[in-house]
Amino acid sequence: MSEKKTKAAAVNGAAEAYDPWKDMRTVYIPKRSRAEQSTLEVGVNEKTYFVPKDQFVEVPMPLWEVIQGMMDRQKIMEEEAKQASGQREFALSVSY
């Protein structure tokens, strides 16, 4: 039984020792135009971080999660805009 407790303690100790701010991930944020800012402003836990665009950058896991969420929402919005504009073009071509 002591062996099981030791394994459980080792697992629990490993879970407690995990620091997401030390877990680094690579991210690439494209710059869409020259007029666009060269950094992305990301807020986590009431702190602001500036992540450079157009280069591969190592960021902590919490920043990576926020950036991925932002990029996912951006992609969805762009796809919806394409669909909406495509529907308008189709409606205009039908009305002629």
N, C-alpha and C. Protein backbone atom coordinates (compact mmCIF):
# COMPACT_ATOMS: atom_id res chain seq x y z
N MET A 1 0.81 -1.19 0.00
CA MET A 1 0.00 0.00 0.00
C MET A 1 0.85 1.26 0.00
N SER A 2 1.97 1.21 0.65
CA SER A 2 2.81 2.40 0.70
C SER A 2 3.32 2.76 -0.69
N GLU A 3 3.51 1.74 -1.55
CA GLU A 3 3.96 2.00 -2.92
C GLU A 3 2.89 2.77 -3.70
N LYS A 4 1.60 2.41 -3.50
CA LYS A 4 0.51 3.11 -4.18
C LYS A 4 0.43 4.56 -3.71
N LYS A 5 0.59 4.77 -2.42
CA LYS A 5 0.56 6.13 -1.89
C LYS A 5 1.72 6.95 -2.45
N THR A 6 2.87 6.34 -2.59
CA THR A 6 4.04 7.04 -3.12
C THR A 6 3.80 7.44 -4.57
N LYS A 7 3.23 6.52 -5.37
CA LYS A 7 2.93 6.84 -6.77
C LYS A 7 1.90 7.96 -6.85
N ALA A 8 0.88 7.89 -6.02
CA ALA A 8 -0.15 8.92 -6.02
C ALA A 8 0.45 10.26 -5.61
N ALA A 9 1.32 10.26 -4.64
CA ALA A 9 1.96 11.51 -4.21
C ALA A 9 2.84 12.06 -5.32
N ALA A 10 3.53 11.18 -6.03
CA ALA A 10 4.38 11.63 -7.13
C ALA A 10 3.54 12.25 -8.24
N VAL A 11 2.41 11.64 -8.55
CA VAL A 11 1.51 12.18 -9.58
C VAL A 11 0.94 13.51 -9.12
N ASN A 12 0.47 13.59 -7.90
CA ASN A 12 -0.08 14.84 -7.37
C ASN A 12 0.98 15.93 -7.30
N GLY A 13 2.18 15.57 -6.92
CA GLY A 13 3.27 16.53 -6.85
C GLY A 13 3.62 17.08 -8.23
N ALA A 14 3.58 16.21 -9.25
CA ALA A 14 3.87 16.64 -10.62
C ALA A 14 2.78 17.59 -11.12
N ALA A 15 1.53 17.32 -10.76
CA ALA A 15 0.43 18.18 -11.20
C ALA A 15 0.53 19.55 -10.54
N GLU A 16 0.94 19.60 -9.30
CA GLU A 16 1.06 20.87 -8.59
C GLU A 16 2.25 21.68 -9.09
N ALA A 17 3.29 21.02 -9.57
CA ALA A 17 4.50 21.70 -10.00
C ALA A 17 4.36 22.32 -11.40
N TYR A 18 3.34 21.96 -12.15
CA TYR A 18 3.17 22.49 -13.50
C TYR A 18 2.91 23.99 -13.46
N ASP A 19 3.70 24.73 -14.22
CA ASP A 19 3.54 26.18 -14.33
C ASP A 19 3.27 26.51 -15.80
N PRO A 20 2.05 26.91 -16.14
CA PRO A 20 1.73 27.18 -17.55
C PRO A 20 2.55 28.34 -18.13
N TRP A 21 3.07 29.20 -17.29
CA TRP A 21 3.88 30.33 -17.77
C TRP A 21 5.28 29.88 -18.19
N LYS A 22 5.65 28.66 -17.83
CA LYS A 22 6.94 28.12 -18.27
C LYS A 22 6.77 27.18 -19.46
N ASP A 23 5.53 26.83 -19.77
CA ASP A 23 5.21 25.96 -20.91
C ASP A 23 5.14 26.85 -22.15
N MET A 24 6.21 26.87 -22.94
CA MET A 24 6.31 27.77 -24.08
C MET A 24 5.79 27.12 -25.36
N ARG A 25 5.11 27.93 -26.16
CA ARG A 25 4.56 27.49 -27.45
C ARG A 25 5.00 28.47 -28.53
N THR A 26 5.14 27.97 -29.74
CA THR A 26 5.51 28.83 -30.86
C THR A 26 4.25 29.32 -31.55
N VAL A 27 4.24 30.61 -31.85
CA VAL A 27 3.09 31.20 -32.54
C VAL A 27 3.60 32.10 -33.66
N TYR A 28 2.82 32.16 -34.74
CA TYR A 28 3.12 33.06 -35.85
C TYR A 28 1.86 33.87 -36.13
N ILE A 29 1.98 35.18 -36.04
CA ILE A 29 0.84 36.07 -36.29
C ILE A 29 1.14 36.85 -37.56
N PRO A 30 0.39 36.57 -38.63
CA PRO A 30 0.67 37.28 -39.88
C PRO A 30 0.28 38.76 -39.81
N LYS A 31 1.03 39.57 -40.51
CA LYS A 31 0.70 40.98 -40.63
C LYS A 31 -0.02 41.12 -41.97
N ARG A 32 -1.24 41.61 -41.95
CA ARG A 32 -2.08 41.62 -43.15
C ARG A 32 -1.82 42.79 -44.08
N SER A 33 -1.29 43.88 -43.56
CA SER A 33 -0.98 45.02 -44.42
C SER A 33 0.16 45.82 -43.80
N ARG A 34 0.75 46.70 -44.60
CA ARG A 34 1.86 47.51 -44.10
C ARG A 34 1.39 48.52 -43.06
N ALA A 35 0.14 48.95 -43.19
CA ALA A 35 -0.40 49.95 -42.27
C ALA A 35 -0.72 49.36 -40.89
N GLU A 36 -0.83 48.06 -40.82
CA GLU A 36 -1.18 47.39 -39.57
C GLU A 36 -0.01 47.47 -38.58
N GLN A 37 -0.34 47.50 -37.30
CA GLN A 37 0.69 47.55 -36.25
C GLN A 37 1.59 46.32 -36.33
N SER A 38 2.83 46.48 -35.92
CA SER A 38 3.80 45.38 -36.01
C SER A 38 3.74 44.44 -34.81
N THR A 39 2.90 44.76 -33.81
CA THR A 39 2.73 43.87 -32.65
C THR A 39 1.25 43.65 -32.38
N LEU A 40 0.96 42.54 -31.74
CA LEU A 40 -0.40 42.24 -31.30
C LEU A 40 -0.45 42.45 -29.79
N GLU A 41 -1.41 43.20 -29.35
CA GLU A 41 -1.57 43.48 -27.92
C GLU A 41 -2.47 42.38 -27.33
N VAL A 42 -1.95 41.68 -26.33
CA VAL A 42 -2.68 40.56 -25.70
C VAL A 42 -2.76 40.82 -24.21
N GLY A 43 -3.97 40.74 -23.66
CA GLY A 43 -4.16 40.94 -22.24
C GLY A 43 -4.49 39.64 -21.53
N VAL A 44 -3.75 39.35 -20.47
CA VAL A 44 -3.99 38.16 -19.65
C VAL A 44 -3.79 38.56 -18.19
N ASN A 45 -4.77 38.26 -17.36
CA ASN A 45 -4.69 38.56 -15.93
C ASN A 45 -4.32 40.02 -15.65
N GLU A 46 -5.00 40.91 -16.32
CA GLU A 46 -4.82 42.35 -16.15
C GLU A 46 -3.42 42.85 -16.50
N LYS A 47 -2.67 42.08 -17.27
CA LYS A 47 -1.36 42.50 -17.78
C LYS A 47 -1.44 42.51 -19.30
N THR A 48 -0.71 43.43 -19.91
CA THR A 48 -0.69 43.54 -21.36
C THR A 48 0.67 43.10 -21.89
N TYR A 49 0.63 42.26 -22.91
CA TYR A 49 1.85 41.77 -23.56
C TYR A 49 1.78 42.16 -25.02
N PHE A 50 2.93 42.48 -25.61
CA PHE A 50 3.01 42.83 -27.02
C PHE A 50 3.78 41.73 -27.74
N VAL A 51 3.09 41.05 -28.66
CA VAL A 51 3.68 39.93 -29.38
C VAL A 51 3.98 40.40 -30.81
N PRO A 52 5.23 40.28 -31.26
CA PRO A 52 5.59 40.72 -32.62
C PRO A 52 4.86 39.90 -33.70
N LYS A 53 4.51 40.58 -34.78
CA LYS A 53 3.88 39.92 -35.93
C LYS A 53 4.93 39.60 -36.99
N ASP A 54 4.58 38.71 -37.89
CA ASP A 54 5.40 38.31 -39.02
C ASP A 54 6.71 37.64 -38.63
N GLN A 55 6.71 36.97 -37.49
CA GLN A 55 7.86 36.16 -37.08
C GLN A 55 7.40 35.10 -36.09
N PHE A 56 8.13 34.00 -36.06
CA PHE A 56 7.83 32.95 -35.10
C PHE A 56 8.34 33.38 -33.74
N VAL A 57 7.47 33.29 -32.73
CA VAL A 57 7.79 33.78 -31.39
C VAL A 57 7.38 32.72 -30.38
N GLU A 58 8.20 32.52 -29.36
CA GLU A 58 7.87 31.64 -28.25
C GLU A 58 7.09 32.44 -27.20
N VAL A 59 5.90 31.95 -26.85
CA VAL A 59 5.08 32.62 -25.84
C VAL A 59 4.62 31.60 -24.81
N PRO A 60 4.34 32.02 -23.59
CA PRO A 60 3.81 31.10 -22.58
C PRO A 60 2.42 30.59 -22.96
N MET A 61 2.07 29.45 -22.45
CA MET A 61 0.79 28.80 -22.76
C MET A 61 -0.42 29.73 -22.60
N PRO A 62 -0.56 30.51 -21.51
CA PRO A 62 -1.73 31.37 -21.39
C PRO A 62 -1.85 32.38 -22.54
N LEU A 63 -0.74 32.95 -22.98
CA LEU A 63 -0.78 33.87 -24.12
C LEU A 63 -1.14 33.13 -25.39
N TRP A 64 -0.57 31.95 -25.59
CA TRP A 64 -0.83 31.14 -26.77
C TRP A 64 -2.32 30.82 -26.87
N GLU A 65 -2.95 30.47 -25.75
CA GLU A 65 -4.38 30.15 -25.76
C GLU A 65 -5.21 31.36 -26.17
N VAL A 66 -4.89 32.53 -25.66
CA VAL A 66 -5.62 33.75 -26.02
C VAL A 66 -5.42 34.07 -27.50
N ILE A 67 -4.19 33.97 -27.97
CA ILE A 67 -3.89 34.27 -29.37
C ILE A 67 -4.61 33.30 -30.29
N GLN A 68 -4.61 32.01 -29.95
CA GLN A 68 -5.31 31.03 -30.78
C GLN A 68 -6.80 31.32 -30.84
N GLY A 69 -7.38 31.70 -29.70
CA GLY A 69 -8.79 32.06 -29.68
C GLY A 69 -9.08 33.26 -30.55
N MET A 70 -8.20 34.27 -30.50
CA MET A 70 -8.37 35.46 -31.33
C MET A 70 -8.28 35.10 -32.82
N MET A 71 -7.31 34.26 -33.16
CA MET A 71 -7.13 33.88 -34.56
C MET A 71 -8.30 33.03 -35.05
N ASP A 72 -8.82 32.16 -34.21
CA ASP A 72 -9.99 31.36 -34.58
C ASP A 72 -11.20 32.25 -34.85
N ARG A 73 -11.44 33.23 -33.97
CA ARG A 73 -12.57 34.14 -34.16
C ARG A 73 -12.39 34.99 -35.42
N GLN A 74 -11.16 35.42 -35.69
CA GLN A 74 -10.88 36.20 -36.89
C GLN A 74 -11.21 35.38 -38.14
N LYS A 75 -10.80 34.12 -38.14
CA LYS A 75 -11.04 33.24 -39.29
C LYS A 75 -12.54 33.04 -39.50
N ILE A 76 -13.28 32.82 -38.42
CA ILE A 76 -14.73 32.63 -38.52
C ILE A 76 -15.38 33.89 -39.08
N MET A 77 -14.97 35.05 -38.59
CA MET A 77 -15.54 36.31 -39.06
C MET A 77 -15.25 36.52 -40.55
N GLU A 78 -14.04 36.19 -40.99
CA GLU A 78 -13.69 36.34 -42.40
C GLU A 78 -14.51 35.39 -43.27
N GLU A 79 -14.70 34.15 -42.82
CA GLU A 79 -15.50 33.19 -43.58
C GLU A 79 -16.95 33.64 -43.67
N GLU A 80 -17.50 34.15 -42.56
CA GLU A 80 -18.87 34.64 -42.58
C GLU A 80 -19.02 35.85 -43.50
N ALA A 81 -18.02 36.72 -43.52
CA ALA A 81 -18.07 37.89 -44.40
C ALA A 81 -18.03 37.45 -45.87
N LYS A 82 -17.20 36.45 -46.18
CA LYS A 82 -17.14 35.94 -47.55
C LYS A 82 -18.48 35.34 -47.96
N GLN A 83 -19.08 34.57 -47.07
CA GLN A 83 -20.38 33.97 -47.37
C GLN A 83 -21.44 35.04 -47.57
N ALA A 84 -21.45 36.04 -46.70
CA ALA A 84 -22.45 37.10 -46.80
C ALA A 84 -22.27 37.89 -48.10
N SER A 85 -21.04 38.21 -48.44
CA SER A 85 -20.81 38.97 -49.68
C SER A 85 -21.12 38.11 -50.90
N GLY A 86 -20.84 36.83 -50.82
CA GLY A 86 -21.16 35.92 -51.91
C GLY A 86 -22.66 35.81 -52.12
N GLN A 87 -23.43 35.80 -51.05
CA GLN A 87 -24.89 35.72 -51.15
C GLN A 87 -25.44 36.98 -51.78
N ARG A 88 -24.88 38.13 -51.43
CA ARG A 88 -25.35 39.39 -52.02
C ARG A 88 -25.07 39.42 -53.51
N GLU A 89 -23.89 38.97 -53.91
CA GLU A 89 -23.55 38.94 -55.34
C GLU A 89 -24.50 38.02 -56.07
N PHE A 90 -24.79 36.87 -55.47
CA PHE A 90 -25.70 35.92 -56.11
C PHE A 90 -27.09 36.52 -56.23
N ALA A 91 -27.57 37.18 -55.19
CA ALA A 91 -28.88 37.79 -55.22
C ALA A 91 -28.95 38.88 -56.29
N LEU A 92 -27.89 39.66 -56.43
CA LEU A 92 -27.87 40.71 -57.44
C LEU A 92 -27.86 40.11 -58.84
N SER A 93 -27.13 39.03 -59.05
CA SER A 93 -27.08 38.43 -60.37
C SER A 93 -28.41 37.77 -60.72
N VAL A 94 -29.14 37.29 -59.73
CA VAL A 94 -30.44 36.68 -59.98
C VAL A 94 -31.47 37.75 -60.34
N SER A 95 -31.37 38.92 -59.72
CA SER A 95 -32.38 39.95 -59.95
C SER A 95 -32.28 40.57 -61.34
N TYR A 96 -31.16 40.37 -62.07
CA TYR A 96 -31.03 40.93 -63.41
C TYR A 96 -31.73 40.06 -64.35
